[in-house]
C-alpha atoms as a PDB file:
ATOM      1  CA  MET A   1      -8.976  50.512 -17.051  1.00  0.00           C
ATOM      2  CA  GLU A   2      -7.556  48.396 -19.848  1.00  0.00           C
ATOM      3  CA  ARG A   3      -6.715  44.772 -19.071  1.00  0.00           C
ATOM      4  CA  VAL A   4      -4.109  42.546 -20.712  1.00  0.00           C
ATOM      5  CA  GLN A   5      -4.728  38.830 -20.974  1.00  0.00           C
ATOM      6  CA  PHE A   6      -1.973  36.320 -20.421  1.00  0.00           C
ATOM      7  CA  ILE A   7      -1.657  32.569 -20.033  1.00  0.00           C
ATOM      8  CA  THR A   8       0.161  30.895 -17.172  1.00  0.00           C
ATOM      9  CA  ARG A   9       0.608  27.365 -15.913  1.00  0.00           C
ATOM     10  CA  LEU A  10      -0.075  26.346 -12.327  1.00  0.00           C
ATOM     11  CA  SER A  11       0.066  23.011 -10.614  1.00  0.00           C
ATOM     12  CA  PRO A  12      -3.368  21.564  -9.820  1.00  0.00           C
ATOM     13  CA  GLU A  13      -2.587  21.907  -6.105  1.00  0.00           C
ATOM     14  CA  LEU A  14      -1.755  25.596  -6.416  1.00  0.00           C
ATOM     15  CA  MET A  15      -4.832  26.247  -8.536  1.00  0.00           C
ATOM     16  CA  ASN A  16      -7.002  24.591  -5.880  1.00  0.00           C
ATOM     17  CA  ARG A  17      -5.442  26.790  -3.180  1.00  0.00           C
ATOM     18  CA  VAL A  18      -6.026  29.895  -5.311  1.00  0.00           C
ATOM     19  CA  LYS A  19      -9.676  28.927  -5.845  1.00  0.00           C
ATOM     20  CA  ARG A  20     -10.206  28.357  -2.109  1.00  0.00           C
ATOM     21  CA  ALA A  21      -8.517  31.640  -1.181  1.00  0.00           C
ATOM     22  CA  ALA A  22     -10.586  33.525  -3.767  1.00  0.00           C
ATOM     23  CA  LYS A  23     -13.772  31.980  -2.412  1.00  0.00           C
ATOM     24  CA  ARG A  24     -12.834  32.953   1.175  1.00  0.00           C
ATOM     25  CA  GLN A  25     -12.475  36.549   0.008  1.00  0.00           C
ATOM     26  CA  ASN A  26     -15.661  36.437  -2.073  1.00  0.00           C
ATOM     27  CA  ARG A  27     -13.646  37.174  -5.207  1.00  0.00           C
ATOM     28  CA  SER A  28     -13.415  35.599  -8.614  1.00  0.00           C
ATOM     29  CA  VAL A  29     -10.182  33.744  -9.299  1.00  0.00           C
ATOM     30  CA  ASN A  30      -9.182  36.512 -11.713  1.00  0.00           C
ATOM     31  CA  SER A  31      -9.926  39.240  -9.167  1.00  0.00           C
ATOM     32  CA  PHE A  32      -8.047  37.338  -6.456  1.00  0.00           C
ATOM     33  CA  ILE A  33      -4.959  36.891  -8.645  1.00  0.00           C
ATOM     34  CA  GLU A  34      -5.017  40.539  -9.728  1.00  0.00           C
ATOM     35  CA  HIS A  35      -5.440  41.717  -6.121  1.00  0.00           C
ATOM     36  CA  THR A  36      -2.641  39.441  -4.901  1.00  0.00           C
ATOM     37  CA  LEU A  37      -0.264  40.582  -7.632  1.00  0.00           C
ATOM     38  CA  GLU A  38      -1.151  44.213  -6.932  1.00  0.00           C
ATOM     39  CA  LYS A  39      -0.279  43.767  -3.244  1.00  0.00           C
ATOM     40  CA  ALA A  40       2.911  41.845  -4.040  1.00  0.00           C
ATOM     41  CA  THR A  41       4.183  44.478  -6.455  1.00  0.00           C
ATOM     42  CA  GLY A  42       3.074  47.559  -4.547  1.00  0.00           C
ATOM     43  CA  PRO A  43       5.466  50.068  -3.026  1.00  0.00           C
ATOM     44  CA  GLU A  44       8.219  48.518  -0.970  1.00  0.00           C
ATOM     45  CA  PHE A  45       8.614  49.428   2.663  1.00  0.00           C
ATOM     46  CA  PRO A  46      11.906  50.463   4.197  1.00  0.00           C
ATOM     47  CA  LYS A  47      13.808  47.517   5.581  1.00  0.00           C
ATOM     48  CA  LEU A  48      14.510  47.705   9.294  1.00  0.00           C
ATOM     49  CA  PRO A  49      17.299  45.753  10.951  1.00  0.00           C
ATOM     50  CA  ALA A  50      16.280  42.195  11.824  1.00  0.00           C
ATOM     51  CA  ASP A  51      16.927  42.883  15.522  1.00  0.00           C
ATOM     52  CA  PHE A  52      14.861  46.109  15.584  1.00  0.00           C
ATOM     53  CA  LYS A  53      12.518  46.221  18.568  1.00  0.00           C
ATOM     54  CA  VAL A  54      10.328  48.994  19.865  1.00  0.00           C
ATOM     55  CA  SER A  55      11.705  50.038  23.240  1.00  0.00           C
ATOM     56  CA  ASP A  56       9.762  49.250  26.380  1.00  0.00           C
ATOM     57  CA  GLU A  57       9.697  52.975  27.157  1.00  0.00           C
ATOM     58  CA  ILE A  58       7.845  53.676  23.919  1.00  0.00           C
ATOM     59  CA  LEU A  59       5.522  50.683  24.373  1.00  0.00           C
ATOM     60  CA  ASN A  60       4.663  51.809  27.907  1.00  0.00           C
ATOM     61  CA  MET A  61       3.720  55.262  26.613  1.00  0.00           C
ATOM     62  CA  ALA A  62       0.694  53.821  24.853  1.00  0.00           C
ATOM     63  CA  CYS A  63      -2.414  54.641  26.838  1.00  0.00           C
ATOM     64  CA  PHE A  64      -4.638  52.217  24.951  1.00  0.00           C
ATOM     65  CA  LYS A  65      -4.490  48.810  23.366  1.00  0.00           C
ATOM     66  CA  LEU A  66      -4.927  48.668  19.618  1.00  0.00           C
ATOM     67  CA  PRO A  67      -7.867  46.564  18.496  1.00  0.00           C
ATOM     68  CA  THR A  68      -7.001  43.302  16.797  1.00  0.00           C
ATOM     69  CA  PRO A  69      -7.503  43.771  13.064  1.00  0.00           C
ATOM     70  CA  THR A  70      -9.710  41.456  11.065  1.00  0.00           C
ATOM     71  CA  GLN A  71      -8.145  39.161   8.482  1.00  0.00           C
ATOM     72  CA  GLU A  72      -9.846  41.230   5.780  1.00  0.00           C
ATOM     73  CA  GLU A  73      -8.167  44.402   7.062  1.00  0.00           C
ATOM     74  CA  LEU A  74      -4.805  42.640   7.019  1.00  0.00           C
ATOM     75  CA  ASP A  75      -5.440  41.242   3.527  1.00  0.00           C
ATOM     76  CA  ASP A  76      -6.386  44.680   2.193  1.00  0.00           C
ATOM     77  CA  ASP A  77      -3.421  46.604   3.615  1.00  0.00           C
ATOM     78  CA  ALA A  78      -0.016  45.004   3.179  1.00  0.00           C
ATOM     79  CA  LYS A  79       1.786  47.712   5.181  1.00  0.00           C
ATOM     80  CA  TYR A  80      -0.605  47.386   8.122  1.00  0.00           C
ATOM     81  CA  ALA A  81      -0.285  43.584   7.990  1.00  0.00           C
ATOM     82  CA  TYR A  82       3.514  43.823   7.978  1.00  0.00           C
ATOM     83  CA  LEU A  83       3.638  46.243  10.904  1.00  0.00           C
ATOM     84  CA  TYR A  84       1.023  44.292  12.854  1.00  0.00           C
ATOM     85  CA  GLU A  85       2.831  40.963  12.416  1.00  0.00           C
ATOM     86  CA  LYS A  86       6.279  42.367  13.160  1.00  0.00           C
ATOM     87  CA  TYR A  87       5.632  44.806  16.017  1.00  0.00           C
ATOM     88  CA  ILE A  88       2.167  44.512  17.522  1.00  0.00           C
ATOM     89  CA  LYS A  89       0.902  40.923  17.419  1.00  0.00           C
ATOM     90  CA  ASN A  90       3.515  39.414  19.755  1.00  0.00           C
ATOM     91  CA  GLN A  91       3.921  42.376  22.072  1.00  0.00           C
ATOM     92  CA  ASP A  92       0.831  41.563  24.175  1.00  0.00           C
END
């Protein structure tokens, strides 16, 4: 895949945060930035009303508890992370 180079300016504080985040994910700074931009510009998800809540009837139909995802799983799948944060995490 062809790559295009570009120059950008970041504050020293932001650059330090980017370096730390890249290190936590075992990525180069370039790979981290590319991955982050890819996630941020990926397909958009339908917007649900702010007051949308899964009904208790539906929640009670579940016969098992979903395992808590790892941070890596959440980082790698923006849709899963969104759904987990919005509908699953605080429903325990």
